[in-house]
C-alpha atoms as a PDB file:
ATOM      1  CA  MET A   1     150.657 131.042  91.080  1.00  0.00           C
ATOM      2  CA  PHE A   2     150.314 131.669  87.255  1.00  0.00           C
ATOM      3  CA  LYS A   3     148.431 127.961  87.135  1.00  0.00           C
ATOM      4  CA  THR A   4     146.295 129.098  90.000  1.00  0.00           C
ATOM      5  CA  LYS A   5     145.556 132.305  87.864  1.00  0.00           C
ATOM      6  CA  PHE A   6     144.615 130.367  84.924  1.00  0.00           C
ATOM      7  CA  LYS A   7     142.464 127.932  86.444  1.00  0.00           C
ATOM      8  CA  SER A   8     140.401 130.535  87.993  1.00  0.00           C
ATOM      9  CA  ILE A   9     140.020 132.300  84.759  1.00  0.00           C
ATOM     10  CA  LEU A  10     139.143 129.045  83.062  1.00  0.00           C
ATOM     11  CA  PHE A  11     136.676 128.378  85.922  1.00  0.00           C
ATOM     12  CA  LEU A  12     134.912 131.746  85.315  1.00  0.00           C
ATOM     13  CA  ARG A  13     134.614 131.456  81.640  1.00  0.00           C
ATOM     14  CA  LEU A  14     133.019 127.802  82.180  1.00  0.00           C
ATOM     15  CA  LEU A  15     130.826 129.193  84.786  1.00  0.00           C
ATOM     16  CA  ARG A  16     129.860 132.261  82.493  1.00  0.00           C
ATOM     17  CA  LYS A  17     128.947 129.603  79.644  1.00  0.00           C
ATOM     18  CA  PHE A  18     127.030 127.629  81.887  1.00  0.00           C
ATOM     19  CA  LEU A  19     124.817 130.512  83.298  1.00  0.00           C
ATOM     20  CA  VAL A  20     124.468 131.625  79.377  1.00  0.00           C
ATOM     21  CA  LEU A  21     123.007 128.202  78.673  1.00  0.00           C
ATOM     22  CA  ILE A  22     120.831 128.064  81.575  1.00  0.00           C
ATOM     23  CA  GLY A  23     119.755 131.586  80.521  1.00  0.00           C
ATOM     24  CA  ILE A  24     119.040 130.605  76.843  1.00  0.00           C
ATOM     25  CA  PHE A  25     117.194 127.358  78.404  1.00  0.00           C
ATOM     26  CA  PHE A  26     114.939 129.394  80.572  1.00  0.00           C
ATOM     27  CA  VAL A  27     113.965 131.823  77.557  1.00  0.00           C
ATOM     28  CA  VAL A  28     113.115 128.953  75.259  1.00  0.00           C
ATOM     29  CA  CYS A  29     110.966 127.299  77.988  1.00  0.00           C
ATOM     30  CA  LEU A  30     109.282 130.778  78.793  1.00  0.00           C
ATOM     31  CA  VAL A  31     108.507 131.077  75.061  1.00  0.00           C
ATOM     32  CA  PHE A  32     107.292 127.505  74.655  1.00  0.00           C
ATOM     33  CA  SER A  33     105.023 128.185  77.641  1.00  0.00           C
ATOM     34  CA  PHE A  34     102.891 130.617  75.500  1.00  0.00           C
ATOM     35  CA  THR A  35     102.421 127.794  73.094  1.00  0.00           C
ATOM     36  CA  GLU A  36     100.181 124.692  72.877  1.00  0.00           C
ATOM     37  CA  GLN A  37     103.387 122.661  72.563  1.00  0.00           C
ATOM     38  CA  PRO A  38     103.787 121.769  76.409  1.00  0.00           C
ATOM     39  CA  TYR A  39     100.335 120.407  76.487  1.00  0.00           C
ATOM     40  CA  ARG A  40     100.655 118.503  73.392  1.00  0.00           C
ATOM     41  CA  ALA A  41     103.575 116.781  74.772  1.00  0.00           C
ATOM     42  CA  TYR A  42     102.103 116.099  78.086  1.00  0.00           C
ATOM     43  CA  HIS A  43      99.209 114.705  76.453  1.00  0.00           C
ATOM     44  CA  TRP A  44     101.292 112.556  74.321  1.00  0.00           C
ATOM     45  CA  LEU A  45     103.095 110.993  77.298  1.00  0.00           C
ATOM     46  CA  GLY A  46      99.127 110.196  78.931  1.00  0.00           C
ATOM     47  CA  THR A  47      97.596 108.967  75.766  1.00  0.00           C
ATOM     48  CA  SER A  48     100.400 107.461  73.299  1.00  0.00           C
ATOM     49  CA  LYS A  49     100.180 104.063  75.039  1.00  0.00           C
ATOM     50  CA  SER A  50      96.634 104.329  76.569  1.00  0.00           C
ATOM     51  CA  GLU A  51      93.983 102.109  75.135  1.00  0.00           C
ATOM     52  CA  LEU A  52      91.211  99.833  76.384  1.00  0.00           C
ATOM     53  CA  LYS A  53      91.234  96.797  74.381  1.00  0.00           C
ATOM     54  CA  TRP A  54      89.925  94.329  76.934  1.00  0.00           C
ATOM     55  CA  GLU A  55      87.792  94.202  79.793  1.00  0.00           C
ATOM     56  CA  PRO A  56      90.405  94.064  83.021  1.00  0.00           C
ATOM     57  CA  LYS A  57      90.440  91.632  85.697  1.00  0.00           C
ATOM     58  CA  THR A  58      92.634  93.804  87.615  1.00  0.00           C
ATOM     59  CA  ILE A  59      92.877  97.481  88.036  1.00  0.00           C
ATOM     60  CA  ILE A  60      96.146  98.440  89.197  1.00  0.00           C
ATOM     61  CA  LEU A  61      96.219 101.842  91.339  1.00  0.00           C
ATOM     62  CA  LEU A  62     100.032 102.789  90.914  1.00  0.00           C
ATOM     63  CA  GLY A  63     100.585 105.236  94.156  1.00  0.00           C
ATOM     64  CA  GLY A  64     102.187 108.533  93.430  1.00  0.00           C
ATOM     65  CA  GLY A  65     102.640 110.367  96.637  1.00  0.00           C
ATOM     66  CA  GLY A  66     101.260 110.602 100.382  1.00  0.00           C
ATOM     67  CA  MET A  67      97.609 110.772 101.392  1.00  0.00           C
ATOM     68  CA  PRO A  68      96.091 113.239 100.721  1.00  0.00           C
ATOM     69  CA  SER A  69      98.042 114.274  97.594  1.00  0.00           C
ATOM     70  CA  GLN A  70      96.845 115.677  94.454  1.00  0.00           C
ATOM     71  CA  SER A  71      98.394 112.819  92.440  1.00  0.00           C
ATOM     72  CA  ASN A  72      96.797 110.075  94.831  1.00  0.00           C
ATOM     73  CA  LEU A  73      93.358 111.671  95.210  1.00  0.00           C
ATOM     74  CA  MET A  74      93.107 111.944  91.285  1.00  0.00           C
ATOM     75  CA  ARG A  75      94.154 108.409  90.663  1.00  0.00           C
ATOM     76  CA  SER A  76      91.770 107.201  93.364  1.00  0.00           C
ATOM     77  CA  TRP A  77      88.912 109.148  91.581  1.00  0.00           C
ATOM     78  CA  TYR A  78      89.590 107.438  88.153  1.00  0.00           C
ATOM     79  CA  THR A  79      90.267 104.183  89.899  1.00  0.00           C
ATOM     80  CA  GLU A  80      86.655 104.443  91.356  1.00  0.00           C
ATOM     81  CA  LYS A  81      85.274 105.349  88.125  1.00  0.00           C
ATOM     82  CA  ALA A  82      86.930 102.128  86.379  1.00  0.00           C
ATOM     83  CA  ALA A  83      86.034  99.851  89.182  1.00  0.00           C
ATOM     84  CA  LYS A  84      82.270 100.838  88.818  1.00  0.00           C
ATOM     85  CA  SER A  85      82.575 100.485  84.959  1.00  0.00           C
ATOM     86  CA  PHE A  86      83.914  96.951  85.401  1.00  0.00           C
ATOM     87  CA  PRO A  87      82.431  95.663  88.575  1.00  0.00           C
ATOM     88  CA  LYS A  88      83.847  92.130  88.644  1.00  0.00           C
ATOM     89  CA  SER A  89      87.342  93.477  88.428  1.00  0.00           C
ATOM     90  CA  LYS A  90      89.632  93.622  91.435  1.00  0.00           C
ATOM     91  CA  VAL A  91      91.645  96.400  92.579  1.00  0.00           C
ATOM     92  CA  VAL A  92      95.135  96.299  93.483  1.00  0.00           C
ATOM     93  CA  VAL A  93      96.716  99.483  95.736  1.00  0.00           C
ATOM     94  CA  ALA A  94     100.665  99.288  94.443  1.00  0.00           C
ATOM     95  CA  MET A  95     102.178 101.846  97.082  1.00  0.00           C
ATOM     96  CA  PRO A  96     104.702 100.970  99.612  1.00  0.00           C
ATOM     97  CA  GLY A  97     104.085 101.057 103.064  1.00  0.00           C
ATOM     98  CA  ALA A  98     103.261  99.300 106.511  1.00  0.00           C
ATOM     99  CA  LEU A  99     100.059  97.368 106.023  1.00  0.00           C
ATOM    100  CA  SER A 100     100.062  97.044 109.754  1.00  0.00           C
ATOM    101  CA  ASP A 101      99.581 100.664 110.212  1.00  0.00           C
ATOM    102  CA  SER A 102      96.071 101.930 109.502  1.00  0.00           C
ATOM    103  CA  LEU A 103      97.650 105.317 108.800  1.00  0.00           C
ATOM    104  CA  SER A 104      99.998 104.308 106.292  1.00  0.00           C
ATOM    105  CA  THR A 105      99.685 105.679 102.845  1.00  0.00           C
ATOM    106  CA  PRO A 106      98.387 102.438 100.988  1.00  0.00           C
ATOM    107  CA  GLN A 107      95.837 101.909 104.025  1.00  0.00           C
ATOM    108  CA  LEU A 108      94.545 105.527 103.551  1.00  0.00           C
ATOM    109  CA  MET A 109      94.276 104.963  99.858  1.00  0.00           C
ATOM    110  CA  LYS A 110      92.263 101.928 100.386  1.00  0.00           C
ATOM    111  CA  SER A 111      90.159 104.047 102.664  1.00  0.00           C
ATOM    112  CA  GLU A 112      89.669 106.448 100.046  1.00  0.00           C
ATOM    113  CA  LEU A 113      88.663 103.945  97.619  1.00  0.00           C
ATOM    114  CA  GLU A 114      86.009 102.767 100.266  1.00  0.00           C
ATOM    115  CA  LEU A 115      84.647 106.121 100.604  1.00  0.00           C
ATOM    116  CA  ARG A 116      83.986 106.247  97.138  1.00  0.00           C
ATOM    117  CA  GLY A 117      82.116 102.825  97.175  1.00  0.00           C
ATOM    118  CA  ILE A 118      84.434 100.133  96.555  1.00  0.00           C
ATOM    119  CA  SER A 119      84.190  97.152  98.584  1.00  0.00           C
ATOM    120  CA  ALA A 120      87.130  96.183 100.930  1.00  0.00           C
ATOM    121  CA  GLU A 121      86.732  92.531  99.336  1.00  0.00           C
ATOM    122  CA  ARG A 122      87.792  93.799  96.074  1.00  0.00           C
ATOM    123  CA  ILE A 123      90.873  95.500  97.212  1.00  0.00           C
ATOM    124  CA  ALA A 124      94.490  94.025  97.575  1.00  0.00           C
ATOM    125  CA  PHE A 125      97.729  95.381  97.940  1.00  0.00           C
ATOM    126  CA  GLU A 126     101.181  95.568  96.320  1.00  0.00           C
ATOM    127  CA  PRO A 127     103.099  97.222  99.148  1.00  0.00           C
ATOM    128  CA  GLU A 128     106.868  96.523  98.400  1.00  0.00           C
ATOM    129  CA  GLY A 129     107.578  98.046  94.835  1.00  0.00           C
ATOM    130  CA  THR A 130     109.382 101.488  95.330  1.00  0.00           C
ATOM    131  CA  ASN A 131     109.533 102.338  91.522  1.00  0.00           C
ATOM    132  CA  THR A 132     107.539 101.395  88.350  1.00  0.00           C
ATOM    133  CA  ARG A 133     109.777  98.381  87.366  1.00  0.00           C
ATOM    134  CA  SER A 134     109.757  97.019  90.973  1.00  0.00           C
ATOM    135  CA  GLN A 135     105.953  97.371  91.271  1.00  0.00           C
ATOM    136  CA  ALA A 136     105.576  95.480  87.950  1.00  0.00           C
ATOM    137  CA  LEU A 137     107.876  92.864  89.030  1.00  0.00           C
ATOM    138  CA  LYS A 138     106.069  92.567  92.533  1.00  0.00           C
ATOM    139  CA  CYS A 139     102.641  92.436  90.547  1.00  0.00           C
ATOM    140  CA  GLN A 140     103.812  89.072  88.903  1.00  0.00           C
ATOM    141  CA  GLY A 141     103.211  87.110  92.084  1.00  0.00           C
ATOM    142  CA  ILE A 142      99.707  88.389  92.584  1.00  0.00           C
ATOM    143  CA  ILE A 143      98.372  88.664  88.974  1.00  0.00           C
ATOM    144  CA  LYS A 144      98.286  86.204  86.103  1.00  0.00           C
ATOM    145  CA  MET A 145     100.465  87.418  83.505  1.00  0.00           C
ATOM    146  CA  GLN A 146      97.825  86.597  80.745  1.00  0.00           C
ATOM    147  CA  ASP A 147      95.052  88.313  82.661  1.00  0.00           C
ATOM    148  CA  PRO A 148      94.075  91.592  81.378  1.00  0.00           C
ATOM    149  CA  ILE A 149      95.108  94.690  83.661  1.00  0.00           C
ATOM    150  CA  LEU A 150      94.259  98.081  83.826  1.00  0.00           C
ATOM    151  CA  LEU A 151      96.964 100.551  84.725  1.00  0.00           C
ATOM    152  CA  VAL A 152      95.798 104.079  86.634  1.00  0.00           C
ATOM    153  CA  THR A 153      98.424 106.617  86.919  1.00  0.00           C
ATOM    154  CA  SER A 154      99.181 110.285  86.028  1.00  0.00           C
ATOM    155  CA  PRO A 155      99.299 111.087  82.390  1.00  0.00           C
ATOM    156  CA  GLU A 156     103.099 111.936  82.398  1.00  0.00           C
ATOM    157  CA  HIS A 157     103.849 108.630  83.967  1.00  0.00           C
ATOM    158  CA  MET A 158     101.519 106.480  81.611  1.00  0.00           C
ATOM    159  CA  ARG A 159     103.749 105.786  78.795  1.00  0.00           C
ATOM    160  CA  ARG A 160     106.485 104.587  80.995  1.00  0.00           C
ATOM    161  CA  ALA A 161     104.145 102.421  83.334  1.00  0.00           C
ATOM    162  CA  VAL A 162     102.513 100.575  80.209  1.00  0.00           C
ATOM    163  CA  LEU A 163     105.816  99.839  78.761  1.00  0.00           C
ATOM    164  CA  ALA A 164     107.442  98.488  82.016  1.00  0.00           C
ATOM    165  CA  PHE A 165     104.477  96.224  82.617  1.00  0.00           C
ATOM    166  CA  LYS A 166     104.629  94.712  79.202  1.00  0.00           C
ATOM    167  CA  LYS A 167     108.506  94.232  79.598  1.00  0.00           C
ATOM    168  CA  VAL A 168     108.024  91.868  82.475  1.00  0.00           C
ATOM    169  CA  GLY A 169     105.332  89.796  80.533  1.00  0.00           C
ATOM    170  CA  PHE A 170     101.972  91.427  81.312  1.00  0.00           C
ATOM    171  CA  GLU A 171     100.341  90.464  77.861  1.00  0.00           C
ATOM    172  CA  LYS A 172      96.998  92.592  77.984  1.00  0.00           C
ATOM    173  CA  VAL A 173      97.847  95.848  79.428  1.00  0.00           C
ATOM    174  CA  ASN A 174      95.051  98.650  79.274  1.00  0.00           C
ATOM    175  CA  ALA A 175      95.855 102.018  80.602  1.00  0.00           C
ATOM    176  CA  LEU A 176      93.730 104.994  82.182  1.00  0.00           C
ATOM    177  CA  PRO A 177      95.628 108.262  82.584  1.00  0.00           C
ATOM    178  CA  ALA A 178      94.309 110.424  85.292  1.00  0.00           C
ATOM    179  CA  PHE A 179      94.009 113.838  83.593  1.00  0.00           C
ATOM    180  CA  GLU A 180      92.471 116.863  85.458  1.00  0.00           C
ATOM    181  CA  ASN A 181      89.460 118.414  84.005  1.00  0.00           C
ATOM    182  CA  ALA A 182      89.474 122.102  83.151  1.00  0.00           C
ATOM    183  CA  ALA A 183      86.831 124.343  85.176  1.00  0.00           C
ATOM    184  CA  GLU A 184      83.854 125.136  82.962  1.00  0.00           C
ATOM    185  CA  ALA A 185      83.485 128.726  84.757  1.00  0.00           C
ATOM    186  CA  ASP A 186      84.643 132.070  83.307  1.00  0.00           C
ATOM    187  CA  PHE A 187      87.508 133.504  85.416  1.00  0.00           C
ATOM    188  CA  SER A 188      87.865 136.640  83.733  1.00  0.00           C
ATOM    189  CA  PHE A 189      87.597 140.277  85.569  1.00  0.00           C
ATOM    190  CA  THR A 190      87.826 143.723  85.030  1.00  0.00           C
ATOM    191  CA  ASP A 191      90.860 144.776  87.078  1.00  0.00           C
ATOM    192  CA  ASP A 192      89.470 148.481  87.837  1.00  0.00           C
ATOM    193  CA  GLU A 193      86.023 147.270  89.089  1.00  0.00           C
ATOM    194  CA  LEU A 194      87.694 145.370  91.945  1.00  0.00           C
ATOM    195  CA  GLY A 195      89.128 148.453  93.516  1.00  0.00           C
ATOM    196  CA  GLY A 196      92.671 149.128  94.997  1.00  0.00           C
ATOM    197  CA  ASN A 197      95.479 150.830  93.399  1.00  0.00           C
ATOM    198  CA  SER A 198      95.729 152.144  89.896  1.00  0.00           C
ATOM    199  CA  ILE A 199      98.928 151.080  88.252  1.00  0.00           C
ATOM    200  CA  LEU A 200     100.605 151.585  84.965  1.00  0.00           C
ATOM    201  CA  ILE A 201     100.561 148.022  83.720  1.00  0.00           C
ATOM    202  CA  PRO A 202      98.047 146.312  81.664  1.00  0.00           C
ATOM    203  CA  ASP A 203      95.245 144.710  83.203  1.00  0.00           C
ATOM    204  CA  VAL A 204      95.207 141.153  83.611  1.00  0.00           C
ATOM    205  CA  GLY A 205      91.632 140.287  84.136  1.00  0.00           C
ATOM    206  CA  ASN A 206      90.711 138.984  80.747  1.00  0.00           C
ATOM    207  CA  ASN A 207      94.274 137.666  80.118  1.00  0.00           C
ATOM    208  CA  ILE A 208      93.681 133.782  81.110  1.00  0.00           C
ATOM    209  CA  ASN A 209      96.984 132.994  79.244  1.00  0.00           C
ATOM    210  CA  MET A 210      99.231 135.188  81.560  1.00  0.00           C
ATOM    211  CA  ARG A 211      97.183 134.347  84.588  1.00  0.00           C
ATOM    212  CA  TYR A 212      96.759 130.563  84.239  1.00  0.00           C
ATOM    213  CA  GLN A 213      97.793 128.869  81.086  1.00  0.00           C
ATOM    214  CA  MET A 214     101.625 129.856  80.741  1.00  0.00           C
ATOM    215  CA  TRP A 215     101.903 128.757  84.358  1.00  0.00           C
ATOM    216  CA  ASN A 216     100.539 125.613  83.911  1.00  0.00           C
ATOM    217  CA  HIS A 217     102.522 125.060  80.495  1.00  0.00           C
ATOM    218  CA  LEU A 218     105.783 125.930  82.552  1.00  0.00           C
ATOM    219  CA  LYS A 219     105.023 123.087  85.096  1.00  0.00           C
ATOM    220  CA  TYR A 220     104.242 120.712  82.211  1.00  0.00           C
ATOM    221  CA  GLU A 221     107.602 121.360  80.796  1.00  0.00           C
ATOM    222  CA  ILE A 222     109.256 120.393  84.206  1.00  0.00           C
ATOM    223  CA  LEU A 223     107.126 117.126  84.250  1.00  0.00           C
ATOM    224  CA  ILE A 224     108.032 116.161  80.756  1.00  0.00           C
ATOM    225  CA  ALA A 225     111.813 117.016  81.242  1.00  0.00           C
ATOM    226  CA  ARG A 226     111.618 114.720  84.251  1.00  0.00           C
ATOM    227  CA  GLU A 227     109.597 112.086  82.617  1.00  0.00           C
ATOM    228  CA  MET A 228     112.167 112.133  79.222  1.00  0.00           C
ATOM    229  CA  VAL A 229     115.212 111.393  81.768  1.00  0.00           C
ATOM    230  CA  ALA A 230     113.301 108.533  83.352  1.00  0.00           C
ATOM    231  CA  LEU A 231     112.239 107.104  80.029  1.00  0.00           C
ATOM    232  CA  THR A 232     115.823 107.279  79.005  1.00  0.00           C
ATOM    233  CA  TYR A 233     116.991 105.659  82.023  1.00  0.00           C
ATOM    234  CA  TYR A 234     114.711 102.894  81.536  1.00  0.00           C
ATOM    235  CA  LYS A 235     115.478 102.390  78.081  1.00  0.00           C
ATOM    236  CA  LEU A 236     119.116 101.896  78.831  1.00  0.00           C
ATOM    237  CA  ARG A 237     118.480  99.559  81.795  1.00  0.00           C
ATOM    238  CA  GLY A 238     116.129  97.403  79.681  1.00  0.00           C
ATOM    239  CA  TRP A 239     113.338  97.902  81.850  1.00  0.00           C
ATOM    240  CA  ILE A 240     111.183  98.949  78.877  1.00  0.00           C
END
C-alpha cells in the first residue's frame, strides 16, 4: 500500500511539473506572437534555400492536401505563374492518388492547372510518393537528374523539399515558395459606430495586431515547430 501511495504521489508531481512546463511554453509562444520573430522564422524556411539560378525544364508541383484546399490551390496558383514564365517547361504533379479516377486529388490538381491555362500536354504525374523523400526518389524515374527543376510548395516545407531533392541527386534545384499575399485593404473600424452592446473592454477596431497578426503568428509557430521536427527526423535518417 505504501508503494502504491508513493507511486501516486510521484505521478502527481510529475504531472504537475509537466503541466507547468506546458504553461510556460504556451506563455512563451503567446509572447512571441506579438513580435515579428514567428514570421521571420517562417520566411526563413521559405527562402533560405529558394533560388532561381537555372531555367527549369520541369516544374514540380508538390501536393499538400486534398482538392480544394488552401495549400494545393496556393501551390497551383504559383505553378501557373511559373509555367507561363517558362513556357517550354513541363509540369509534374507530385501527389499520390488513383489516376484512373477523374475525381482523385492529382486529377483535380491537373484540372485546376488546365483551368488556369496550362495545356494538358505539358502535365505529367508522379502519383506514388507519399512523403517528400519518396517523391524525390520517384521523380528520379521521370526526370533527368542533370536537368534543372523548379519545386513549388508551401513556404514552411520549402527548405526540406530542396534538401531532399538534392540529396537523391538532382543537380539543379530551383524553388518557388507559395507565400500568401497580404490584403492591401484597411480593415480597421470604430467599434461604437457599429452599434450593439457597449461593454467595458478596450475597442479592437484599430488593433490589427490583436485581431489578426497575433493569431497568424501563433499559426506560424505551430507550422515552424512541426517543420523543425520533420527536418530533424530527415537529418537523422540521412534524407537531407
